[in-house]
Amino acid sequence: MSIQDLQNNHMMAHLTQALDDNKDIGHYGRLVYAIVGRHFLSDDELASQLAKDSDFDEEQARGLVQQVQEADYSPPGRAKLLEYQGKQDFPIVPDTQDPDEGNVYRDLDFPQHVYDHISEYHQQKAES
C-alpha cells in the first residue's frame, strides 16, 4: 500500500496535503493520521510524513507511530473525528456538512484484522 492509496479518502488527502505544506495539523490530526496511515505506510514513511508537521519533530513522530502500533487503535468513526476536531484549531474533517466526510471505511480498504477487531468490540459490547 502507499500514500496514493491513503489519499483515496478526502479527509486523509486533506491531512496529507497539510503535512506536505508543513502545517501544524494539531495533536488529534496527527493521531488520526497515524491511526489510519499505519495501515498504508511503513513505520518509517509514516514517521517521515508526521515529522513534516511544523510543530512535530522526527523523534516525536517515531514515538507516536510506536504508540499507535502498540495500542492497535482502530480507525475512528466520524463522531470521534468531530469530537477530536472540537479540541483543536486545525480542521481534521474538511467538510463537516457532508455526512460521509471522514468515513475512512467508505474509501479505504483496511487489512481484515481491522474489521475483525471492530466486530469483536461490538460483539463484546452487545454481550455486556
C-alpha atoms as a PDB file:
ATOM      1  CA  MET A   1       0.000   0.000   0.000  1.00  0.00           C
ATOM      2  CA  SER A   2       1.076   3.574  -0.474  1.00  0.00           C
ATOM      3  CA  ILE A   3       0.377   7.197   0.225  1.00  0.00           C
ATOM      4  CA  GLN A   4      -1.654   7.295  -3.004  1.00  0.00           C
ATOM      5  CA  ASP A   5      -3.942   4.611  -1.549  1.00  0.00           C
ATOM      6  CA  LEU A   6      -4.292   6.646   1.636  1.00  0.00           C
ATOM      7  CA  GLN A   7      -5.306   9.684  -0.396  1.00  0.00           C
ATOM      8  CA  ASN A   8      -8.347   7.867  -1.790  1.00  0.00           C
ATOM      9  CA  ASN A   9     -10.118   9.313   1.237  1.00  0.00           C
ATOM     10  CA  HIS A  10     -10.773  13.061   1.038  1.00  0.00           C
ATOM     11  CA  MET A  11     -10.011  13.684   4.712  1.00  0.00           C
ATOM     12  CA  MET A  12      -6.726  11.781   4.541  1.00  0.00           C
ATOM     13  CA  ALA A  13      -5.789  13.604   1.326  1.00  0.00           C
ATOM     14  CA  HIS A  14      -6.541  16.876   3.153  1.00  0.00           C
ATOM     15  CA  LEU A  15      -4.309  15.881   6.080  1.00  0.00           C
ATOM     16  CA  THR A  16      -1.542  14.681   3.737  1.00  0.00           C
ATOM     17  CA  GLN A  17      -1.596  17.954   1.803  1.00  0.00           C
ATOM     18  CA  ALA A  18      -1.450  19.947   5.027  1.00  0.00           C
ATOM     19  CA  LEU A  19       1.565  17.927   6.162  1.00  0.00           C
ATOM     20  CA  ASP A  20       3.212  18.356   2.759  1.00  0.00           C
ATOM     21  CA  ASP A  21       2.682  22.111   3.246  1.00  0.00           C
ATOM     22  CA  ASN A  22       4.359  21.858   6.688  1.00  0.00           C
ATOM     23  CA  LYS A  23       1.221  22.943   8.522  1.00  0.00           C
ATOM     24  CA  ASP A  24       0.511  22.103  12.138  1.00  0.00           C
ATOM     25  CA  ILE A  25      -2.400  19.662  11.938  1.00  0.00           C
ATOM     26  CA  GLY A  26      -2.711  19.518  15.715  1.00  0.00           C
ATOM     27  CA  HIS A  27      -2.379  16.706  18.219  1.00  0.00           C
ATOM     28  CA  TYR A  28      -5.566  14.945  17.135  1.00  0.00           C
ATOM     29  CA  GLY A  29      -4.849  15.453  13.440  1.00  0.00           C
ATOM     30  CA  ARG A  30      -1.513  13.710  13.912  1.00  0.00           C
ATOM     31  CA  LEU A  31      -3.145  10.964  15.975  1.00  0.00           C
ATOM     32  CA  VAL A  32      -5.791  10.321  13.297  1.00  0.00           C
ATOM     33  CA  TYR A  33      -3.157  10.381  10.565  1.00  0.00           C
ATOM     34  CA  ALA A  34      -1.069   7.831  12.470  1.00  0.00           C
ATOM     35  CA  ILE A  35      -4.014   5.547  13.286  1.00  0.00           C
ATOM     36  CA  VAL A  36      -5.208   5.418   9.681  1.00  0.00           C
ATOM     37  CA  GLY A  37      -1.857   5.808   7.968  1.00  0.00           C
ATOM     38  CA  ARG A  38      -0.204   2.876   9.717  1.00  0.00           C
ATOM     39  CA  HIS A  39      -2.255   0.544   7.529  1.00  0.00           C
ATOM     40  CA  PHE A  40      -0.959   2.134   4.319  1.00  0.00           C
ATOM     41  CA  LEU A  41       2.601   3.268   5.037  1.00  0.00           C
ATOM     42  CA  SER A  42       5.674   1.697   6.586  1.00  0.00           C
ATOM     43  CA  ASP A  43       6.612   2.953  10.046  1.00  0.00           C
ATOM     44  CA  ASP A  44       9.451   4.991   8.517  1.00  0.00           C
ATOM     45  CA  GLU A  45       7.209   6.523   5.843  1.00  0.00           C
ATOM     46  CA  LEU A  46       4.553   7.353   8.420  1.00  0.00           C
ATOM     47  CA  ALA A  47       7.035   8.954  10.810  1.00  0.00           C
ATOM     48  CA  SER A  48       8.514  10.943   7.928  1.00  0.00           C
ATOM     49  CA  GLN A  49       5.073  12.232   6.950  1.00  0.00           C
ATOM     50  CA  LEU A  50       4.191  13.169  10.543  1.00  0.00           C
ATOM     51  CA  ALA A  51       7.535  14.942  11.004  1.00  0.00           C
ATOM     52  CA  LYS A  52       6.525  17.364   8.232  1.00  0.00           C
ATOM     53  CA  ASP A  53       4.138  18.942  10.764  1.00  0.00           C
ATOM     54  CA  SER A  54       5.574  22.318  11.744  1.00  0.00           C
ATOM     55  CA  ASP A  55       5.023  21.570  15.438  1.00  0.00           C
ATOM     56  CA  PHE A  56       6.355  17.995  15.489  1.00  0.00           C
ATOM     57  CA  ASP A  57       9.814  16.517  15.016  1.00  0.00           C
ATOM     58  CA  GLU A  58      11.128  13.149  13.856  1.00  0.00           C
ATOM     59  CA  GLU A  59      11.603  11.798  17.376  1.00  0.00           C
ATOM     60  CA  GLN A  60       8.053  12.730  18.387  1.00  0.00           C
ATOM     61  CA  ALA A  61       6.746  11.238  15.139  1.00  0.00           C
ATOM     62  CA  ARG A  62       8.501   7.925  15.760  1.00  0.00           C
ATOM     63  CA  GLY A  63       7.127   7.862  19.298  1.00  0.00           C
ATOM     64  CA  LEU A  64       3.581   8.426  18.078  1.00  0.00           C
ATOM     65  CA  VAL A  65       3.909   5.716  15.437  1.00  0.00           C
ATOM     66  CA  GLN A  66       5.162   3.268  18.073  1.00  0.00           C
ATOM     67  CA  GLN A  67       2.358   4.209  20.489  1.00  0.00           C
ATOM     68  CA  VAL A  68      -0.327   3.714  17.845  1.00  0.00           C
ATOM     69  CA  GLN A  69       1.173   0.397  16.701  1.00  0.00           C
ATOM     70  CA  GLU A  70       1.375  -0.933  20.262  1.00  0.00           C
ATOM     71  CA  ALA A  71      -2.149   0.173  21.163  1.00  0.00           C
ATOM     72  CA  ASP A  72      -3.543  -1.217  17.878  1.00  0.00           C
ATOM     73  CA  TYR A  73      -6.150   1.545  17.667  1.00  0.00           C
ATOM     74  CA  SER A  74      -8.960   1.084  15.166  1.00  0.00           C
ATOM     75  CA  PRO A  75      -9.561   3.996  12.788  1.00  0.00           C
ATOM     76  CA  PRO A  76     -12.068   6.390  14.372  1.00  0.00           C
ATOM     77  CA  GLY A  77     -15.555   6.994  13.076  1.00  0.00           C
ATOM     78  CA  ARG A  78     -16.986  10.376  12.104  1.00  0.00           C
ATOM     79  CA  ALA A  79     -18.391  11.179  15.561  1.00  0.00           C
ATOM     80  CA  LYS A  80     -14.997  10.655  17.197  1.00  0.00           C
ATOM     81  CA  LEU A  81     -13.292  12.690  14.461  1.00  0.00           C
ATOM     82  CA  LEU A  82     -15.651  15.605  15.068  1.00  0.00           C
ATOM     83  CA  GLU A  83     -15.047  15.298  18.813  1.00  0.00           C
ATOM     84  CA  TYR A  84     -11.294  15.457  18.208  1.00  0.00           C
ATOM     85  CA  GLN A  85     -11.721  18.390  15.848  1.00  0.00           C
ATOM     86  CA  GLY A  86     -13.575  20.324  18.539  1.00  0.00           C
ATOM     87  CA  LYS A  87     -10.477  20.117  20.735  1.00  0.00           C
ATOM     88  CA  GLN A  88      -8.103  21.844  18.313  1.00  0.00           C
ATOM     89  CA  ASP A  89      -7.883  24.629  15.736  1.00  0.00           C
ATOM     90  CA  PHE A  90      -6.923  22.639  12.639  1.00  0.00           C
ATOM     91  CA  PRO A  91      -9.930  21.102  10.819  1.00  0.00           C
ATOM     92  CA  ILE A  92      -9.426  17.342  10.631  1.00  0.00           C
ATOM     93  CA  VAL A  93     -12.706  16.861   8.755  1.00  0.00           C
ATOM     94  CA  PRO A  94     -12.587  19.490   5.993  1.00  0.00           C
ATOM     95  CA  ASP A  95     -16.311  19.437   5.116  1.00  0.00           C
ATOM     96  CA  THR A  96     -18.460  18.960   8.203  1.00  0.00           C
ATOM     97  CA  GLN A  97     -21.632  19.493   6.143  1.00  0.00           C
ATOM     98  CA  ASP A  98     -21.076  16.251   4.210  1.00  0.00           C
ATOM     99  CA  PRO A  99     -22.280  13.383   6.438  1.00  0.00           C
ATOM    100  CA  ASP A 100     -19.897  10.965   4.678  1.00  0.00           C
ATOM    101  CA  GLU A 101     -16.826  13.162   5.153  1.00  0.00           C
ATOM    102  CA  GLY A 102     -14.359  11.472   7.467  1.00  0.00           C
ATOM    103  CA  ASN A 103     -15.703   7.967   6.862  1.00  0.00           C
ATOM    104  CA  VAL A 104     -12.403   6.232   6.161  1.00  0.00           C
ATOM    105  CA  TYR A 105     -14.139   2.868   5.880  1.00  0.00           C
ATOM    106  CA  ARG A 106     -16.057   4.055   2.814  1.00  0.00           C
ATOM    107  CA  ASP A 107     -12.997   4.906   0.717  1.00  0.00           C
ATOM    108  CA  LEU A 108     -10.121   2.851   2.105  1.00  0.00           C
ATOM    109  CA  ASP A 109      -9.509  -0.882   2.218  1.00  0.00           C
ATOM    110  CA  PHE A 110      -8.050  -1.905   5.552  1.00  0.00           C
ATOM    111  CA  PRO A 111      -6.482  -5.254   6.402  1.00  0.00           C
ATOM    112  CA  GLN A 112      -9.019  -7.853   7.531  1.00  0.00           C
ATOM    113  CA  HIS A 113      -7.818  -7.770  11.155  1.00  0.00           C
ATOM    114  CA  VAL A 114      -9.123  -4.179  11.457  1.00  0.00           C
ATOM    115  CA  TYR A 115     -12.648  -5.282  10.586  1.00  0.00           C
ATOM    116  CA  ASP A 116     -12.319  -8.337  12.838  1.00  0.00           C
ATOM    117  CA  HIS A 117     -11.225  -6.112  15.731  1.00  0.00           C
ATOM    118  CA  ILE A 118     -14.246  -3.847  15.261  1.00  0.00           C
ATOM    119  CA  SER A 119     -16.635  -6.804  15.050  1.00  0.00           C
ATOM    120  CA  GLU A 120     -15.160  -8.298  18.199  1.00  0.00           C
ATOM    121  CA  TYR A 121     -15.574  -4.985  20.033  1.00  0.00           C
ATOM    122  CA  HIS A 122     -19.242  -4.686  19.028  1.00  0.00           C
ATOM    123  CA  GLN A 123     -19.882  -8.291  19.971  1.00  0.00           C
ATOM    124  CA  GLN A 124     -18.373  -7.792  23.422  1.00  0.00           C
ATOM    125  CA  LYS A 125     -20.356  -4.587  23.870  1.00  0.00           C
ATOM    126  CA  ALA A 126     -23.602  -6.356  22.984  1.00  0.00           C
ATOM    127  CA  GLU A 127     -22.876  -9.162  25.444  1.00  0.00           C
ATOM    128  CA  SER A 128     -22.276  -6.824  28.370  1.00  0.00           C
END
